[in-house]
PDB file of N, CA and C in Angstrom:
ATOM      1  N   UNK A   1     101.695 125.430 -44.369  1.00  0.00           N
ATOM      2  CA  UNK A   1     102.676 126.309 -44.949  1.00  0.00           C
ATOM      3  C   UNK A   1     103.574 126.846 -43.825  1.00  0.00           C
ATOM      4  N   UNK A   2     104.846 126.945 -44.080  1.00  0.00           N
ATOM      5  CA  UNK A   2     105.774 127.439 -43.071  1.00  0.00           C
ATOM      6  C   UNK A   2     105.467 128.886 -42.708  1.00  0.00           C
ATOM      7  N   UNK A   3     105.462 129.155 -41.415  1.00  0.00           N
ATOM      8  CA  UNK A   3     105.199 130.515 -40.926  1.00  0.00           C
ATOM      9  C   UNK A   3     106.199 131.497 -41.531  1.00  0.00           C
ATOM     10  N   UNK A   4     107.407 131.060 -41.710  1.00  0.00           N
ATOM     11  CA  UNK A   4     108.466 131.891 -42.278  1.00  0.00           C
ATOM     12  C   UNK A   4     108.080 132.368 -43.685  1.00  0.00           C
ATOM     13  N   UNK A   5     107.623 131.457 -44.512  1.00  0.00           N
ATOM     14  CA  UNK A   5     107.237 131.803 -45.886  1.00  0.00           C
ATOM     15  C   UNK A   5     105.982 132.658 -45.896  1.00  0.00           C
ATOM     16  N   UNK A   6     105.018 132.314 -45.054  1.00  0.00           N
ATOM     17  CA  UNK A   6     103.773 133.080 -44.990  1.00  0.00           C
ATOM     18  C   UNK A   6     104.075 134.526 -44.627  1.00  0.00           C
ATOM     19  N   UNK A   7     104.922 134.736 -43.629  1.00  0.00           N
ATOM     20  CA  UNK A   7     105.241 136.101 -43.195  1.00  0.00           C
ATOM     21  C   UNK A   7     105.925 136.870 -44.322  1.00  0.00           C
ATOM     22  N   UNK A   8     106.863 136.239 -44.992  1.00  0.00           N
ATOM     23  CA  UNK A   8     107.582 136.914 -46.078  1.00  0.00           C
ATOM     24  C   UNK A   8     106.643 137.321 -47.200  1.00  0.00           C
ATOM     25  N   UNK A   9     105.697 136.477 -47.536  1.00  0.00           N
ATOM     26  CA  UNK A   9     104.738 136.821 -48.583  1.00  0.00           C
ATOM     27  C   UNK A   9     103.835 137.961 -48.113  1.00  0.00           C
ATOM     28  N   UNK A  10     103.412 137.915 -46.846  1.00  0.00           N
ATOM     29  CA  UNK A  10     102.511 138.944 -46.330  1.00  0.00           C
ATOM     30  C   UNK A  10     103.133 140.340 -46.317  1.00  0.00           C
ATOM     31  N   UNK A  11     104.424 140.436 -46.022  1.00  0.00           N
ATOM     32  CA  UNK A  11     105.037 141.758 -45.839  1.00  0.00           C
ATOM     33  C   UNK A  11     105.988 142.158 -46.962  1.00  0.00           C
ATOM     34  N   UNK A  12     106.123 141.333 -47.972  1.00  0.00           N
ATOM     35  CA  UNK A  12     107.143 141.629 -48.983  1.00  0.00           C
ATOM     36  C   UNK A  12     106.898 142.953 -49.706  1.00  0.00           C
ATOM     37  N   UNK A  13     105.665 143.414 -49.784  1.00  0.00           N
ATOM     38  CA  UNK A  13     105.405 144.708 -50.428  1.00  0.00           C
ATOM     39  C   UNK A  13     106.091 145.839 -49.671  1.00  0.00           C
ATOM     40  N   UNK A  14     106.139 145.745 -48.347  1.00  0.00           N
ATOM     41  CA  UNK A  14     106.853 146.756 -47.561  1.00  0.00           C
ATOM     42  C   UNK A  14     108.347 146.726 -47.879  1.00  0.00           C
ATOM     43  N   UNK A  15     108.883 145.542 -48.091  1.00  0.00           N
ATOM     44  CA  UNK A  15     110.299 145.386 -48.401  1.00  0.00           C
ATOM     45  C   UNK A  15     110.602 145.855 -49.825  1.00  0.00           C
ATOM     46  N   UNK A  16     109.664 145.665 -50.729  1.00  0.00           N
ATOM     47  CA  UNK A  16     109.867 146.065 -52.118  1.00  0.00           C
ATOM     48  C   UNK A  16     109.942 147.579 -52.286  1.00  0.00           C
ATOM     49  N   UNK A  17     109.394 148.317 -51.340  1.00  0.00           N
ATOM     50  CA  UNK A  17     109.434 149.781 -51.431  1.00  0.00           C
ATOM     51  C   UNK A  17     110.873 150.288 -51.515  1.00  0.00           C
ATOM     52  N   UNK A  18     111.814 149.537 -50.982  1.00  0.00           N
ATOM     53  CA  UNK A  18     113.219 149.915 -51.048  1.00  0.00           C
ATOM     54  C   UNK A  18     113.661 150.102 -52.498  1.00  0.00           C
ATOM     55  N   UNK A  19     113.089 149.321 -53.392  1.00  0.00           N
ATOM     56  CA  UNK A  19     113.511 149.318 -54.793  1.00  0.00           C
ATOM     57  C   UNK A  19     112.724 150.281 -55.680  1.00  0.00           C
ATOM     58  N   UNK A  20     111.478 150.582 -55.308  1.00  0.00           N
ATOM     59  CA  UNK A  20     110.715 151.462 -56.194  1.00  0.00           C
ATOM     60  C   UNK A  20     109.941 152.564 -55.477  1.00  0.00           C
ATOM     61  N   UNK A  21     110.006 152.623 -54.163  1.00  0.00           N
ATOM     62  CA  UNK A  21     109.255 153.631 -53.413  1.00  0.00           C
ATOM     63  C   UNK A  21     109.597 155.057 -53.801  1.00  0.00           C
ATOM     64  N   UNK A  22     110.840 155.276 -54.212  1.00  0.00           N
ATOM     65  CA  UNK A  22     111.253 156.631 -54.602  1.00  0.00           C
ATOM     66  C   UNK A  22     110.583 157.104 -55.890  1.00  0.00           C
ATOM     67  N   UNK A  23     109.961 156.187 -56.621  1.00  0.00           N
ATOM     68  CA  UNK A  23     109.249 156.564 -57.846  1.00  0.00           C
ATOM     69  C   UNK A  23     107.791 156.940 -57.562  1.00  0.00           C
ATOM     70  N   UNK A  24     107.348 156.698 -56.336  1.00  0.00           N
ATOM     71  CA  UNK A  24     105.958 156.938 -55.972  1.00  0.00           C
ATOM     72  C   UNK A  24     105.878 158.074 -54.959  1.00  0.00           C
ATOM     73  N   UNK A  25     105.149 159.093 -55.286  1.00  0.00           N
ATOM     74  CA  UNK A  25     105.041 160.253 -54.402  1.00  0.00           C
ATOM     75  C   UNK A  25     104.358 159.866 -53.081  1.00  0.00           C
ATOM     76  N   UNK A  26     104.984 160.243 -51.995  1.00  0.00           N
ATOM     77  CA  UNK A  26     104.392 160.011 -50.681  1.00  0.00           C
ATOM     78  C   UNK A  26     104.629 158.635 -50.099  1.00  0.00           C
ATOM     79  N   UNK A  27     105.397 157.792 -50.769  1.00  0.00           N
ATOM     80  CA  UNK A  27     105.651 156.452 -50.254  1.00  0.00           C
ATOM     81  C   UNK A  27     107.013 156.401 -49.577  1.00  0.00           C
ATOM     82  N   UNK A  28     107.071 155.676 -48.491  1.00  0.00           N
ATOM     83  CA  UNK A  28     108.291 155.553 -47.703  1.00  0.00           C
ATOM     84  C   UNK A  28     109.162 154.440 -48.266  1.00  0.00           C
ATOM     85  N   UNK A  29     110.311 154.808 -48.778  1.00  0.00           N
ATOM     86  CA  UNK A  29     111.237 153.833 -49.352  1.00  0.00           C
ATOM     87  C   UNK A  29     111.736 152.842 -48.302  1.00  0.00           C
ATOM     88  N   UNK A  30     111.759 153.247 -47.057  1.00  0.00           N
ATOM     89  CA  UNK A  30     112.254 152.391 -45.972  1.00  0.00           C
ATOM     90  C   UNK A  30     111.110 151.792 -45.145  1.00  0.00           C
ATOM     91  N   UNK A  31     110.007 151.536 -45.792  1.00  0.00           N
ATOM     92  CA  UNK A  31     108.838 151.004 -45.098  1.00  0.00           C
ATOM     93  C   UNK A  31     109.142 149.683 -44.402  1.00  0.00           C
ATOM     94  N   UNK A  32     110.077 148.938 -44.928  1.00  0.00           N
ATOM     95  CA  UNK A  32     110.412 147.639 -44.327  1.00  0.00           C
ATOM     96  C   UNK A  32     110.991 147.790 -42.924  1.00  0.00           C
ATOM     97  N   UNK A  33     111.500 148.967 -42.601  1.00  0.00           N
ATOM     98  CA  UNK A  33     112.106 149.181 -41.290  1.00  0.00           C
ATOM     99  C   UNK A  33     111.124 148.956 -40.147  1.00  0.00           C
ATOM    100  N   UNK A  34     109.833 149.073 -40.421  1.00  0.00           N
ATOM    101  CA  UNK A  34     108.835 148.821 -39.372  1.00  0.00           C
ATOM    102  C   UNK A  34     108.883 147.362 -38.905  1.00  0.00           C
ATOM    103  N   UNK A  35     109.525 146.506 -39.684  1.00  0.00           N
ATOM    104  CA  UNK A  35     109.611 145.085 -39.334  1.00  0.00           C
ATOM    105  C   UNK A  35     110.962 144.698 -38.735  1.00  0.00           C
ATOM    106  N   UNK A  36     111.855 145.680 -38.565  1.00  0.00           N
ATOM    107  CA  UNK A  36     113.182 145.390 -37.988  1.00  0.00           C
ATOM    108  C   UNK A  36     113.008 144.695 -36.644  1.00  0.00           C
ATOM    109  N   UNK A  37     113.849 143.701 -36.440  1.00  0.00           N
ATOM    110  CA  UNK A  37     113.779 142.944 -35.204  1.00  0.00           C
ATOM    111  C   UNK A  37     112.945 141.683 -35.323  1.00  0.00           C
ATOM    112  N   UNK A  38     112.140 141.584 -36.384  1.00  0.00           N
ATOM    113  CA  UNK A  38     111.352 140.355 -36.583  1.00  0.00           C
ATOM    114  C   UNK A  38     112.302 139.237 -36.967  1.00  0.00           C
ATOM    115  N   UNK A  39     112.041 138.051 -36.488  1.00  0.00           N
ATOM    116  CA  UNK A  39     112.978 136.949 -36.740  1.00  0.00           C
ATOM    117  C   UNK A  39     113.098 136.573 -38.211  1.00  0.00           C
ATOM    118  N   UNK A  40     112.134 136.960 -39.036  1.00  0.00           N
ATOM    119  CA  UNK A  40     112.226 136.639 -40.461  1.00  0.00           C
ATOM    120  C   UNK A  40     112.596 137.851 -41.321  1.00  0.00           C
ATOM    121  N   UNK A  41     112.977 138.950 -40.698  1.00  0.00           N
ATOM    122  CA  UNK A  41     113.321 140.165 -41.439  1.00  0.00           C
ATOM    123  C   UNK A  41     114.390 139.885 -42.500  1.00  0.00           C
ATOM    124  N   UNK A  42     115.489 139.252 -42.101  1.00  0.00           N
ATOM    125  CA  UNK A  42     116.583 138.993 -43.049  1.00  0.00           C
ATOM    126  C   UNK A  42     116.156 138.053 -44.168  1.00  0.00           C
ATOM    127  N   UNK A  43     115.296 137.103 -43.850  1.00  0.00           N
ATOM    128  CA  UNK A  43     114.808 136.181 -44.881  1.00  0.00           C
ATOM    129  C   UNK A  43     114.017 136.936 -45.949  1.00  0.00           C
ATOM    130  N   UNK A  44     113.156 137.840 -45.514  1.00  0.00           N
ATOM    131  CA  UNK A  44     112.344 138.586 -46.472  1.00  0.00           C
ATOM    132  C   UNK A  44     113.209 139.552 -47.270  1.00  0.00           C
ATOM    133  N   UNK A  45     114.168 140.185 -46.609  1.00  0.00           N
ATOM    134  CA  UNK A  45     115.069 141.099 -47.322  1.00  0.00           C
ATOM    135  C   UNK A  45     115.837 140.345 -48.401  1.00  0.00           C
ATOM    136  N   UNK A  46     116.313 139.150 -48.082  1.00  0.00           N
ATOM    137  CA  UNK A  46     117.063 138.356 -49.058  1.00  0.00           C
ATOM    138  C   UNK A  46     116.150 137.899 -50.196  1.00  0.00           C
ATOM    139  N   UNK A  47     114.947 137.458 -49.856  1.00  0.00           N
ATOM    140  CA  UNK A  47     114.000 137.034 -50.878  1.00  0.00           C
ATOM    141  C   UNK A  47     113.738 138.170 -51.872  1.00  0.00           C
ATOM    142  N   UNK A  48     113.457 139.354 -51.344  1.00  0.00           N
ATOM    143  CA  UNK A  48     113.151 140.480 -52.221  1.00  0.00           C
ATOM    144  C   UNK A  48     114.347 140.876 -53.069  1.00  0.00           C
ATOM    145  N   UNK A  49     115.526 140.864 -52.472  1.00  0.00           N
ATOM    146  CA  UNK A  49     116.721 141.260 -53.221  1.00  0.00           C
ATOM    147  C   UNK A  49     117.072 140.248 -54.298  1.00  0.00           C
ATOM    148  N   UNK A  50     117.015 138.966 -53.976  1.00  0.00           N
ATOM    149  CA  UNK A  50     117.487 137.938 -54.907  1.00  0.00           C
ATOM    150  C   UNK A  50     116.476 137.565 -55.970  1.00  0.00           C
ATOM    151  N   UNK A  51     115.176 137.561 -55.611  1.00  0.00           N
ATOM    152  CA  UNK A  51     114.188 137.052 -56.558  1.00  0.00           C
ATOM    153  C   UNK A  51     113.110 138.054 -56.923  1.00  0.00           C
ATOM    154  N   UNK A  52     112.432 138.583 -55.932  1.00  0.00           N
ATOM    155  CA  UNK A  52     111.270 139.418 -56.231  1.00  0.00           C
ATOM    156  C   UNK A  52     111.669 140.675 -57.002  1.00  0.00           C
ATOM    157  N   UNK A  53     112.610 141.401 -56.497  1.00  0.00           N
ATOM    158  CA  UNK A  53     113.046 142.642 -57.127  1.00  0.00           C
ATOM    159  C   UNK A  53     113.609 142.380 -58.518  1.00  0.00           C
ATOM    160  N   UNK A  54     114.392 141.338 -58.651  1.00  0.00           N
ATOM    161  CA  UNK A  54     115.017 141.021 -59.941  1.00  0.00           C
ATOM    162  C   UNK A  54     113.998 140.640 -61.009  1.00  0.00           C
ATOM    163  N   UNK A  55     112.830 140.193 -60.599  1.00  0.00           N
ATOM    164  CA  UNK A  55     111.824 139.756 -61.574  1.00  0.00           C
ATOM    165  C   UNK A  55     111.259 140.910 -62.392  1.00  0.00           C
ATOM    166  N   UNK A  56     111.496 142.141 -61.966  1.00  0.00           N
ATOM    167  CA  UNK A  56     110.999 143.304 -62.697  1.00  0.00           C
ATOM    168  C   UNK A  56     111.993 143.840 -63.715  1.00  0.00           C
ATOM    169  N   UNK A  57     113.173 143.277 -63.759  1.00  0.00           N
ATOM    170  CA  UNK A  57     114.228 143.756 -64.654  1.00  0.00           C
ATOM    171  C   UNK A  57     114.077 143.093 -66.026  1.00  0.00           C
ATOM    172  N   UNK A  58     113.718 143.857 -67.056  1.00  0.00           N
ATOM    173  CA  UNK A  58     113.521 143.246 -68.379  1.00  0.00           C
ATOM    174  C   UNK A  58     114.816 142.693 -68.977  1.00  0.00           C
ATOM    175  N   UNK A  59     115.959 143.125 -68.472  1.00  0.00           N
ATOM    176  CA  UNK A  59     117.239 142.632 -68.979  1.00  0.00           C
ATOM    177  C   UNK A  59     117.812 141.500 -68.136  1.00  0.00           C
ATOM    178  N   UNK A  60     117.061 141.042 -67.150  1.00  0.00           N
ATOM    179  CA  UNK A  60     117.538 139.974 -66.272  1.00  0.00           C
ATOM    180  C   UNK A  60     117.721 138.698 -67.093  1.00  0.00           C
ATOM    181  N   UNK A  61     118.816 138.020 -66.849  1.00  0.00           N
ATOM    182  CA  UNK A  61     119.120 136.783 -67.567  1.00  0.00           C
ATOM    183  C   UNK A  61     118.177 135.679 -67.081  1.00  0.00           C
ATOM    184  N   UNK A  62     117.226 135.308 -67.919  1.00  0.00           N
ATOM    185  CA  UNK A  62     116.222 134.325 -67.503  1.00  0.00           C
ATOM    186  C   UNK A  62     116.549 132.945 -68.050  1.00  0.00           C
ATOM    187  N   UNK A  63     115.943 131.970 -67.437  1.00  0.00           N
ATOM    188  CA  UNK A  63     116.092 130.578 -67.865  1.00  0.00           C
ATOM    189  C   UNK A  63     114.768 130.107 -68.455  1.00  0.00           C
ATOM    190  N   UNK A  64     114.831 129.067 -69.227  1.00  0.00           N
ATOM    191  CA  UNK A  64     113.619 128.543 -69.868  1.00  0.00           C
ATOM    192  C   UNK A  64     112.728 127.845 -68.837  1.00  0.00           C
ATOM    193  N   UNK A  65     111.478 127.693 -69.186  1.00  0.00           N
ATOM    194  CA  UNK A  65     110.532 126.975 -68.328  1.00  0.00           C
ATOM    195  C   UNK A  65     111.018 125.537 -68.127  1.00  0.00           C
ATOM    196  N   UNK A  66     111.620 124.960 -69.137  1.00  0.00           N
ATOM    197  CA  UNK A  66     112.123 123.582 -69.037  1.00  0.00           C
ATOM    198  C   UNK A  66     113.148 123.431 -67.909  1.00  0.00           C
ATOM    199  N   UNK A  67     113.929 124.471 -67.649  1.00  0.00           N
ATOM    200  CA  UNK A  67     114.906 124.421 -66.572  1.00  0.00           C
ATOM    201  C   UNK A  67     114.218 124.201 -65.224  1.00  0.00           C
ATOM    202  N   UNK A  68     113.051 124.807 -65.048  1.00  0.00           N
ATOM    203  CA  UNK A  68     112.356 124.743 -63.773  1.00  0.00           C
ATOM    204  C   UNK A  68     111.445 123.522 -63.638  1.00  0.00           C
ATOM    205  N   UNK A  69     111.158 122.842 -64.720  1.00  0.00           N
ATOM    206  CA  UNK A  69     110.239 121.699 -64.691  1.00  0.00           C
ATOM    207  C   UNK A  69     110.630 120.646 -63.657  1.00  0.00           C
ATOM    208  N   UNK A  70     111.895 120.227 -63.559  1.00  0.00           N
ATOM    209  CA  UNK A  70     112.241 119.222 -62.538  1.00  0.00           C
ATOM    210  C   UNK A  70     111.993 119.707 -61.112  1.00  0.00           C
ATOM    211  N   UNK A  71     112.171 120.986 -60.859  1.00  0.00           N
ATOM    212  CA  UNK A  71     111.926 121.529 -59.518  1.00  0.00           C
ATOM    213  C   UNK A  71     110.438 121.505 -59.193  1.00  0.00           C
ATOM    214  N   UNK A  72     109.613 121.854 -60.176  1.00  0.00           N
ATOM    215  CA  UNK A  72     108.166 121.821 -59.976  1.00  0.00           C
ATOM    216  C   UNK A  72     107.718 120.380 -59.742  1.00  0.00           C
ATOM    217  N   UNK A  73     108.258 119.464 -60.531  1.00  0.00           N
ATOM    218  CA  UNK A  73     107.911 118.054 -60.360  1.00  0.00           C
ATOM    219  C   UNK A  73     108.334 117.553 -58.984  1.00  0.00           C
ATOM    220  N   UNK A  74     109.491 117.998 -58.500  1.00  0.00           N
ATOM    221  CA  UNK A  74     109.962 117.613 -57.171  1.00  0.00           C
ATOM    222  C   UNK A  74     108.977 118.062 -56.085  1.00  0.00           C
ATOM    223  N   UNK A  75     108.486 119.283 -56.205  1.00  0.00           N
ATOM    224  CA  UNK A  75     107.536 119.803 -55.219  1.00  0.00           C
ATOM    225  C   UNK A  75     106.235 119.013 -55.261  1.00  0.00           C
ATOM    226  N   UNK A  76     105.719 118.769 -56.455  1.00  0.00           N
ATOM    227  CA  UNK A  76     104.443 118.066 -56.564  1.00  0.00           C
ATOM    228  C   UNK A  76     104.553 116.573 -56.259  1.00  0.00           C
ATOM    229  N   UNK A  77     105.761 116.041 -56.247  1.00  0.00           N
ATOM    230  CA  UNK A  77     105.954 114.638 -55.909  1.00  0.00           C
ATOM    231  C   UNK A  77     105.988 114.410 -54.391  1.00  0.00           C
ATOM    232  N   UNK A  78     106.099 115.478 -53.629  1.00  0.00           N
ATOM    233  CA  UNK A  78     106.148 115.355 -52.169  1.00  0.00           C
ATOM    234  C   UNK A  78     104.817 114.887 -51.611  1.00  0.00           C
ATOM    235  N   UNK A  79     104.906 114.289 -50.458  1.00  0.00           N
ATOM    236  CA  UNK A  79     103.706 113.928 -49.708  1.00  0.00           C
ATOM    237  C   UNK A  79     102.990 115.222 -49.331  1.00  0.00           C
ATOM    238  N   UNK A  80     101.710 115.275 -49.587  1.00  0.00           N
ATOM    239  CA  UNK A  80     100.936 116.472 -49.269  1.00  0.00           C
ATOM    240  C   UNK A  80     100.976 116.777 -47.777  1.00  0.00           C
ATOM    241  N   UNK A  81     101.179 118.025 -47.449  1.00  0.00           N
ATOM    242  CA  UNK A  81     101.200 118.503 -46.063  1.00  0.00           C
ATOM    243  C   UNK A  81     102.250 117.808 -45.201  1.00  0.00           C
ATOM    244  N   UNK A  82     103.345 117.423 -45.811  1.00  0.00           N
ATOM    245  CA  UNK A  82     104.436 116.769 -45.084  1.00  0.00           C
ATOM    246  C   UNK A  82     104.982 117.738 -44.035  1.00  0.00           C
ATOM    247  N   UNK A  83     104.951 117.364 -42.753  1.00  0.00           N
ATOM    248  CA  UNK A  83     105.422 118.272 -41.704  1.00  0.00           C
ATOM    249  C   UNK A  83     106.899 118.645 -41.845  1.00  0.00           C
ATOM    250  N   UNK A  84     107.669 117.838 -42.521  1.00  0.00           N
ATOM    251  CA  UNK A  84     109.079 118.164 -42.740  1.00  0.00           C
ATOM    252  C   UNK A  84     109.233 119.339 -43.711  1.00  0.00           C
ATOM    253  N   UNK A  85     108.212 119.552 -44.516  1.00  0.00           N
ATOM    254  CA  UNK A  85     108.251 120.631 -45.507  1.00  0.00           C
ATOM    255  C   UNK A  85     107.496 121.858 -45.010  1.00  0.00           C
ATOM    256  N   UNK A  86     106.313 121.653 -44.448  1.00  0.00           N
ATOM    257  CA  UNK A  86     105.473 122.787 -44.079  1.00  0.00           C
ATOM    258  C   UNK A  86     105.541 123.129 -42.602  1.00  0.00           C
ATOM    259  N   UNK A  87     106.322 122.401 -41.846  1.00  0.00           N
ATOM    260  CA  UNK A  87     106.409 122.639 -40.410  1.00  0.00           C
ATOM    261  C   UNK A  87     106.907 124.029 -40.080  1.00  0.00           C
ATOM    262  N   UNK A  88     106.835 124.365 -38.829  1.00  0.00           N
ATOM    263  CA  UNK A  88     107.189 125.706 -38.367  1.00  0.00           C
ATOM    264  C   UNK A  88     108.692 125.886 -38.160  1.00  0.00           C
ATOM    265  N   UNK A  89     109.475 124.885 -38.507  1.00  0.00           N
ATOM    266  CA  UNK A  89     110.921 124.982 -38.279  1.00  0.00           C
ATOM    267  C   UNK A  89     111.507 126.166 -39.030  1.00  0.00           C
ATOM    268  N   UNK A  90     112.335 126.916 -38.339  1.00  0.00           N
ATOM    269  CA  UNK A  90     113.025 128.034 -38.979  1.00  0.00           C
ATOM    270  C   UNK A  90     114.246 127.505 -39.693  1.00  0.00           C
ATOM    271  N   UNK A  91     114.355 127.840 -40.941  1.00  0.00           N
ATOM    272  CA  UNK A  91     115.533 127.458 -41.715  1.00  0.00           C
ATOM    273  C   UNK A  91     115.690 128.472 -42.826  1.00  0.00           C
ATOM    274  N   UNK A  92     116.884 128.595 -43.361  1.00  0.00           N
ATOM    275  CA  UNK A  92     117.084 129.589 -44.419  1.00  0.00           C
ATOM    276  C   UNK A  92     116.165 129.325 -45.606  1.00  0.00           C
ATOM    277  N   UNK A  93     115.770 130.393 -46.265  1.00  0.00           N
ATOM    278  CA  UNK A  93     114.946 130.228 -47.458  1.00  0.00           C
ATOM    279  C   UNK A  93     115.769 129.698 -48.624  1.00  0.00           C
ATOM    280  N   UNK A  94     117.086 129.711 -48.486  1.00  0.00           N
ATOM    281  CA  UNK A  94     117.969 129.195 -49.516  1.00  0.00           C
ATOM    282  C   UNK A  94     118.843 128.110 -48.885  1.00  0.00           C
ATOM    283  N   UNK A  95     118.740 126.903 -49.394  1.00  0.00           N
ATOM    284  CA  UNK A  95     119.611 125.818 -48.952  1.00  0.00           C
ATOM    285  C   UNK A  95     120.708 125.689 -50.003  1.00  0.00           C
ATOM    286  N   UNK A  96     121.910 126.144 -49.655  1.00  0.00           N
ATOM    287  CA  UNK A  96     123.007 126.223 -50.620  1.00  0.00           C
ATOM    288  C   UNK A  96     123.310 124.876 -51.258  1.00  0.00           C
ATOM    289  N   UNK A  97     123.240 123.794 -50.493  1.00  0.00           N
ATOM    290  CA  UNK A  97     123.578 122.484 -51.061  1.00  0.00           C
ATOM    291  C   UNK A  97     122.532 122.036 -52.078  1.00  0.00           C
ATOM    292  N   UNK A  98     121.255 122.323 -51.782  1.00  0.00           N
ATOM    293  CA  UNK A  98     120.193 121.975 -52.742  1.00  0.00           C
ATOM    294  C   UNK A  98     120.315 122.851 -53.986  1.00  0.00           C
ATOM    295  N   UNK A  99     120.532 124.147 -53.771  1.00  0.00           N
ATOM    296  CA  UNK A  99     120.648 125.065 -54.898  1.00  0.00           C
ATOM    297  C   UNK A  99     121.828 124.698 -55.801  1.00  0.00           C
ATOM    298  N   UNK A 100     122.932 124.272 -55.219  1.00  0.00           N
ATOM    299  CA  UNK A 100     124.110 123.893 -56.006  1.00  0.00           C
ATOM    300  C   UNK A 100     123.809 122.693 -56.898  1.00  0.00           C
ATOM    301  N   UNK A 101     123.009 121.767 -56.407  1.00  0.00           N
ATOM    302  CA  UNK A 101     122.655 120.592 -57.184  1.00  0.00           C
ATOM    303  C   UNK A 101     121.722 120.896 -58.338  1.00  0.00           C
ATOM    304  N   UNK A 102     121.070 122.043 -58.299  1.00  0.00           N
ATOM    305  CA  UNK A 102     120.124 122.400 -59.358  1.00  0.00           C
ATOM    306  C   UNK A 102     120.785 123.189 -60.477  1.00  0.00           C
ATOM    307  N   UNK A 103     121.977 123.700 -60.239  1.00  0.00           N
ATOM    308  CA  UNK A 103     122.615 124.572 -61.211  1.00  0.00           C
ATOM    309  C   UNK A 103     123.269 123.906 -62.286  1.00  0.00           C
TER     310      UNK A 103
END
């Protein structure tokens, strides 16, 4: 698994506090600031803003499961543990050209 993705999953709760920490007594809304300067800070901030945080919005415009089926099939069709996919290479969590082809 890419170190970039692992780190984002491990610390995303700190980043999510920005969106709901003010509803919880004694919680620091800016808890993510403890990670400032980390090379994946911006990646995690973008992940939380674009996907994680939005998943809690009951009015969010959702797509059907069928829309995502080809993407899931693409992932499962890959060679297991392919170093090109799981390697430590730093790259954006969003590849605009790939995302454009899925829309």
